[in-house]
Amino acid sequence: MTDRTASAEDDQSEFSRFITGLGRGVAGALFFALPMLMTMEMWYLGFYMARERLLLLFILNIPLLVVLAHRIGFEKTVSWRDAARDAVVAYGIGILTSIIVLAALGLLRGDMSASELIGKIALQSVPASIGAMLGRSQLGNEDDDTEEKATPYHSELFLMGVGALFLSLNIAPTDEMMVLAYKMTIWHALVVSLLSIALMHGLVYAVSFIGGHELSPETPWWHAFVRFTLPGYVVALAVSVLALWIFERLGDSSAIEIMVSVIVLGFPSALGAAGARLIL
């Protein structure tokens, strides 16, 4: 009888933690994705952007969520099956949150075509689902399991890519980003690139944020710069290219214009990549 009672209590405790995780997921989806849910360019992109690119973004988000779930899921995952379950839950939260917020703002109406409705929801559900997964990491409390997992090098780069993608999703669809790119010269782009790298390195190693990385006295200063910061910036630029292509921001631009646009978007992407190393 005692074993059965203990088992029931464990099941109830596990269910309670899962429900708490769902609540944090909803809060995370709102906190992290609300700016995009209330951005005009994102509303229109869901209507007119190429459906194959929207589908690609939707599909690419699935393995991203699975890996994130394995690291910071709604519950402590011990297998990739558990991580896949958490990823599905996060995507569901992202879709549901997008529907509720867009409908409440009058952006989903009965006279819209199915293509427009699905496009708006699908586009917004990507950042909302990432926000739902991040909510568990950022909105937890000190009593939660705080055991740190050793992060392999390739996982560090992947997490930087996640952070870069999340911030680039905020900026890439906006017209202001393209206006900045057209106004800048090559010299401006060079300064922005150097500033991005410096801030990316400084946020993680120099300013002692919680989650930052300390360099041991035996480690030369350039080791982390060459091993993490520069590859991380390359990842941020690659993510910027992908975001600009998906949101059809490259068009018939010249090589110079594309390079400047990538560097402009690479600025917030680099900060997002650095932030991911601090919080994930």
Protein backbone atom coordinates (compact mmCIF):
# COMPACT_ATOMS: atom_id res chain seq x y z
CA MET A 1 0.00 0.00 0.00
CA THR A 2 2.88 2.32 0.83
CA ASP A 3 4.62 1.63 -2.47
CA ARG A 4 1.37 2.26 -4.34
CA THR A 5 0.84 5.55 -2.48
CA ALA A 6 4.41 6.64 -3.16
CA SER A 7 3.98 5.78 -6.84
CA ALA A 8 0.77 7.80 -7.01
CA GLU A 9 2.47 10.76 -5.36
CA ASP A 10 5.36 10.54 -7.81
CA ASP A 11 2.95 10.47 -10.76
CA GLN A 12 1.06 13.45 -9.36
CA SER A 13 4.31 15.34 -8.80
CA GLU A 14 5.48 14.57 -12.34
CA PHE A 15 2.13 15.71 -13.77
CA SER A 16 2.28 18.88 -11.68
CA ARG A 17 5.76 19.67 -13.00
CA PHE A 18 4.58 19.08 -16.55
CA ILE A 19 1.58 21.42 -16.10
CA THR A 20 3.89 24.03 -14.60
CA GLY A 21 6.14 23.61 -17.63
CA LEU A 22 3.15 24.16 -19.92
CA GLY A 23 2.33 27.37 -18.07
CA ARG A 24 5.87 28.59 -18.47
CA GLY A 25 5.73 27.62 -22.12
CA VAL A 26 2.65 29.79 -22.71
CA ALA A 27 4.28 32.67 -20.83
CA GLY A 28 7.49 32.21 -22.83
CA ALA A 29 5.60 32.18 -26.12
CA LEU A 30 3.95 35.48 -25.18
CA PHE A 31 7.03 37.18 -23.77
CA PHE A 32 9.40 36.20 -26.56
CA ALA A 33 7.06 36.22 -29.58
CA LEU A 34 4.61 39.05 -28.82
CA PRO A 35 6.71 41.66 -30.68
CA MET A 36 6.45 39.55 -33.83
CA LEU A 37 2.77 38.82 -33.27
CA MET A 38 2.21 42.60 -33.29
CA THR A 39 4.49 43.41 -36.25
CA MET A 40 2.75 44.42 -39.49
CA GLU A 41 5.38 42.91 -41.80
CA MET A 42 4.89 39.50 -40.17
CA TRP A 43 1.13 39.69 -40.78
CA TYR A 44 1.60 40.35 -44.49
CA LEU A 45 4.45 37.88 -44.92
CA GLY A 46 2.18 35.07 -43.78
CA PHE A 47 -0.11 36.01 -46.67
CA TYR A 48 2.22 36.56 -49.62
CA MET A 49 5.55 34.82 -48.93
CA ALA A 50 6.35 31.77 -51.06
CA ARG A 51 4.71 28.71 -49.55
CA GLU A 52 7.73 26.46 -50.14
CA ARG A 53 9.89 28.84 -48.07
CA LEU A 54 7.31 28.99 -45.31
CA LEU A 55 7.12 25.20 -45.32
CA LEU A 56 10.92 24.97 -45.14
CA LEU A 57 10.98 27.30 -42.11
CA PHE A 58 8.22 25.27 -40.46
CA ILE A 59 10.07 21.98 -41.07
CA LEU A 60 13.49 23.33 -40.00
CA ASN A 61 11.98 24.42 -36.72
CA ILE A 62 11.11 20.83 -35.76
CA PRO A 63 14.66 19.42 -35.27
CA LEU A 64 15.63 22.73 -33.67
CA LEU A 65 12.90 22.29 -31.06
CA VAL A 66 13.81 18.65 -30.50
CA VAL A 67 17.42 19.52 -29.68
CA LEU A 68 16.32 22.42 -27.48
CA ALA A 69 13.87 20.13 -25.70
CA HIS A 70 16.63 17.64 -25.01
CA ARG A 71 18.51 20.41 -23.23
CA ILE A 72 15.77 22.57 -21.62
CA GLY A 73 12.49 20.72 -22.18
CA PHE A 74 9.33 20.95 -20.07
CA GLU A 75 10.62 17.99 -18.10
CA LYS A 76 14.07 16.47 -17.69
CA THR A 77 14.41 14.32 -20.81
CA VAL A 78 16.35 11.10 -20.83
CA SER A 79 15.70 10.05 -24.42
CA TRP A 80 15.17 11.65 -27.79
CA ARG A 81 11.61 10.31 -27.76
CA ASP A 82 10.91 12.46 -24.69
CA ALA A 83 12.56 15.41 -26.41
CA ALA A 84 10.40 14.88 -29.51
CA ARG A 85 7.30 14.85 -27.30
CA ASP A 86 8.33 18.15 -25.70
CA ALA A 87 9.01 19.62 -29.14
CA VAL A 88 5.50 18.68 -30.27
CA VAL A 89 4.08 20.26 -27.10
CA ALA A 90 6.09 23.45 -27.69
CA TYR A 91 4.92 23.64 -31.31
CA GLY A 92 1.34 23.12 -30.15
CA ILE A 93 1.70 25.93 -27.62
CA GLY A 94 3.17 28.17 -30.33
CA ILE A 95 0.33 27.45 -32.73
CA LEU A 96 -2.38 27.88 -30.10
CA THR A 97 -0.84 31.09 -28.74
CA SER A 98 -0.55 32.50 -32.25
CA ILE A 99 -4.18 31.72 -33.02
CA ILE A 100 -5.46 33.29 -29.80
CA VAL A 101 -3.37 36.47 -30.03
CA LEU A 102 -3.92 37.02 -33.76
CA ALA A 103 -7.66 36.43 -33.36
CA ALA A 104 -7.85 38.75 -30.36
CA LEU A 105 -6.11 41.48 -32.38
CA GLY A 106 -8.58 41.07 -35.24
CA LEU A 107 -5.98 39.67 -37.61
CA LEU A 108 -7.80 36.39 -38.24
CA ARG A 109 -11.22 36.87 -39.80
CA GLY A 110 -13.80 34.57 -41.29
CA ASP A 111 -13.63 36.26 -44.70
CA MET A 112 -9.94 35.42 -45.13
CA SER A 113 -8.86 32.58 -47.37
CA ALA A 114 -7.59 29.36 -45.82
CA SER A 115 -4.16 30.04 -47.33
CA GLU A 116 -3.91 33.41 -45.60
CA LEU A 117 -5.10 32.06 -42.26
CA ILE A 118 -2.74 29.09 -42.32
CA GLY A 119 0.16 31.23 -43.55
CA LYS A 120 -0.18 33.78 -40.74
CA ILE A 121 -0.49 31.13 -38.05
CA ALA A 122 2.33 28.96 -39.44
CA LEU A 123 4.75 31.89 -39.67
CA GLN A 124 4.00 33.22 -36.20
CA SER A 125 4.07 29.77 -34.61
CA VAL A 126 7.81 29.39 -35.32
CA PRO A 127 9.06 32.16 -32.98
CA ALA A 128 6.20 31.42 -30.56
CA SER A 129 7.24 27.76 -30.28
CA ILE A 130 10.87 28.73 -29.67
CA GLY A 131 9.65 31.17 -27.03
CA ALA A 132 7.59 28.41 -25.44
CA MET A 133 10.68 26.23 -25.15
CA LEU A 134 12.82 29.09 -23.83
CA GLY A 135 10.15 29.86 -21.24
CA ARG A 136 11.12 26.77 -19.28
CA SER A 137 14.74 27.92 -19.14
CA GLN A 138 14.10 31.58 -18.34
CA LEU A 139 10.96 31.43 -16.21
CA GLY A 140 11.96 28.60 -13.89
CA ASN A 141 12.76 29.09 -10.23
CA GLU A 142 15.70 28.21 -8.06
CA ASP A 143 14.03 25.03 -6.80
CA ASP A 144 14.00 23.49 -10.26
CA ASP A 145 16.62 21.00 -11.35
CA THR A 146 19.63 23.18 -11.97
CA GLU A 147 22.07 20.46 -12.89
CA GLU A 148 24.21 21.77 -15.71
CA LYS A 149 24.83 19.56 -18.68
CA ALA A 150 28.24 19.50 -20.27
CA THR A 151 27.81 21.03 -23.70
CA PRO A 152 29.82 19.57 -26.58
CA TYR A 153 31.43 21.98 -29.02
CA HIS A 154 28.96 21.29 -31.83
CA SER A 155 26.07 21.85 -29.40
CA GLU A 156 27.53 25.23 -28.43
CA LEU A 157 27.51 26.23 -32.09
CA PHE A 158 23.98 24.90 -32.49
CA LEU A 159 22.72 26.90 -29.50
CA MET A 160 24.36 30.01 -30.92
CA GLY A 161 22.48 29.34 -34.14
CA VAL A 162 19.21 29.10 -32.19
CA GLY A 163 19.83 32.45 -30.52
CA ALA A 164 20.80 34.03 -33.83
CA LEU A 165 17.69 32.66 -35.54
CA PHE A 166 15.36 33.88 -32.82
CA LEU A 167 16.57 37.48 -32.98
CA SER A 168 16.86 37.47 -36.77
CA LEU A 169 13.20 36.45 -36.96
CA ASN A 170 12.40 39.70 -35.16
CA ILE A 171 14.39 41.91 -37.52
CA ALA A 172 14.59 40.27 -40.96
CA PRO A 173 10.94 40.89 -41.98
CA THR A 174 11.04 44.63 -41.17
CA ASP A 175 11.50 47.35 -43.77
CA GLU A 176 13.79 49.29 -41.44
CA MET A 177 16.45 46.61 -41.73
CA MET A 178 16.55 46.97 -45.51
CA VAL A 179 16.55 50.78 -45.30
CA LEU A 180 19.60 50.62 -43.03
CA ALA A 181 21.37 48.31 -45.45
CA TYR A 182 20.75 50.67 -48.39
CA LYS A 183 21.99 53.72 -46.45
CA MET A 184 25.23 52.11 -45.26
CA THR A 185 28.55 52.09 -47.07
CA ILE A 186 31.15 49.33 -47.07
CA TRP A 187 33.00 51.17 -44.29
CA HIS A 188 29.86 51.31 -42.17
CA ALA A 189 29.40 47.58 -42.74
CA LEU A 190 32.99 46.92 -41.67
CA VAL A 191 32.48 48.88 -38.44
CA VAL A 192 29.22 47.03 -37.71
CA SER A 193 30.92 43.70 -38.35
CA LEU A 194 33.80 44.49 -35.96
CA LEU A 195 31.36 45.83 -33.37
CA SER A 196 29.27 42.66 -33.64
CA ILE A 197 32.31 40.45 -33.02
CA ALA A 198 33.54 42.59 -30.12
CA LEU A 199 30.16 42.64 -28.39
CA MET A 200 29.65 38.94 -29.01
CA HIS A 201 32.95 38.12 -27.32
CA GLY A 202 32.60 40.67 -24.54
CA LEU A 203 29.09 39.62 -23.48
CA VAL A 204 30.22 36.06 -22.88
CA TYR A 205 33.74 36.50 -21.53
CA ALA A 206 34.28 40.04 -20.29
CA VAL A 207 31.31 41.51 -18.41
CA SER A 208 30.60 38.68 -15.93
CA PHE A 209 26.94 38.09 -16.75
CA ILE A 210 25.28 35.14 -15.03
CA GLY A 211 25.94 32.21 -17.33
CA GLY A 212 29.07 33.82 -18.70
CA HIS A 213 32.27 31.87 -19.27
CA GLU A 214 35.42 32.53 -17.29
CA LEU A 215 38.80 31.97 -18.91
CA SER A 216 41.36 30.22 -16.77
CA PRO A 217 44.71 31.99 -16.27
CA GLU A 218 46.42 29.27 -18.30
CA THR A 219 44.17 29.85 -21.31
CA PRO A 220 45.42 32.44 -23.82
CA TRP A 221 42.92 35.21 -24.57
CA TRP A 222 42.73 34.30 -28.24
CA HIS A 223 41.72 30.67 -27.61
CA ALA A 224 38.03 31.36 -26.90
CA PHE A 225 38.00 34.07 -29.55
CA VAL A 226 39.17 31.71 -32.27
CA ARG A 227 37.33 28.63 -31.00
CA PHE A 228 33.94 30.17 -30.17
CA THR A 229 33.50 33.84 -31.05
CA LEU A 230 34.63 33.78 -34.69
CA PRO A 231 32.83 30.49 -35.54
CA GLY A 232 29.78 31.83 -33.68
CA TYR A 233 29.82 34.97 -35.82
CA VAL A 234 30.02 32.85 -38.96
CA VAL A 235 27.00 30.89 -37.69
CA ALA A 236 25.16 34.19 -37.06
CA LEU A 237 25.92 35.36 -40.61
CA ALA A 238 24.77 32.02 -42.07
CA VAL A 239 21.52 32.25 -40.12
CA SER A 240 21.11 35.83 -41.38
CA VAL A 241 21.46 34.67 -44.99
CA LEU A 242 18.85 31.97 -44.39
CA ALA A 243 16.42 34.41 -42.75
CA LEU A 244 16.80 36.99 -45.52
CA TRP A 245 16.28 34.32 -48.17
CA ILE A 246 13.21 32.83 -46.47
CA PHE A 247 11.63 36.26 -46.05
CA GLU A 248 12.47 37.15 -49.66
CA ARG A 249 14.65 40.11 -48.70
CA LEU A 250 17.48 39.42 -51.15
CA GLY A 251 15.60 39.68 -54.43
CA ASP A 252 17.67 41.02 -57.31
CA SER A 253 20.17 42.77 -55.05
CA SER A 254 23.80 42.99 -56.07
CA ALA A 255 26.48 41.04 -54.24
CA ILE A 256 27.54 44.16 -52.32
CA GLU A 257 23.96 44.93 -51.27
CA ILE A 258 23.45 41.34 -50.13
CA MET A 259 26.70 41.43 -48.15
CA VAL A 260 25.73 44.67 -46.38
CA SER A 261 22.23 43.33 -45.64
CA VAL A 262 23.70 40.16 -44.13
CA ILE A 263 26.11 42.17 -41.97
CA VAL A 264 23.28 44.44 -40.77
CA LEU A 265 21.13 41.48 -39.78
CA GLY A 266 24.25 39.77 -38.45
CA PHE A 267 24.47 42.45 -35.73
CA PRO A 268 21.34 41.35 -33.80
CA SER A 269 21.99 37.74 -34.81
CA ALA A 270 25.44 37.87 -33.20
CA LEU A 271 23.95 39.29 -30.00
CA GLY A 272 21.34 36.54 -30.06
CA ALA A 273 24.07 33.93 -30.49
CA ALA A 274 26.00 35.34 -27.53
CA GLY A 275 22.82 35.51 -25.44
CA ALA A 276 22.10 31.85 -26.17
CA ARG A 277 25.43 30.86 -24.62
CA LEU A 278 24.49 32.82 -21.50
CA ILE A 279 20.95 31.55 -20.96
CA LEU A 280 20.79 28.05 -22.45
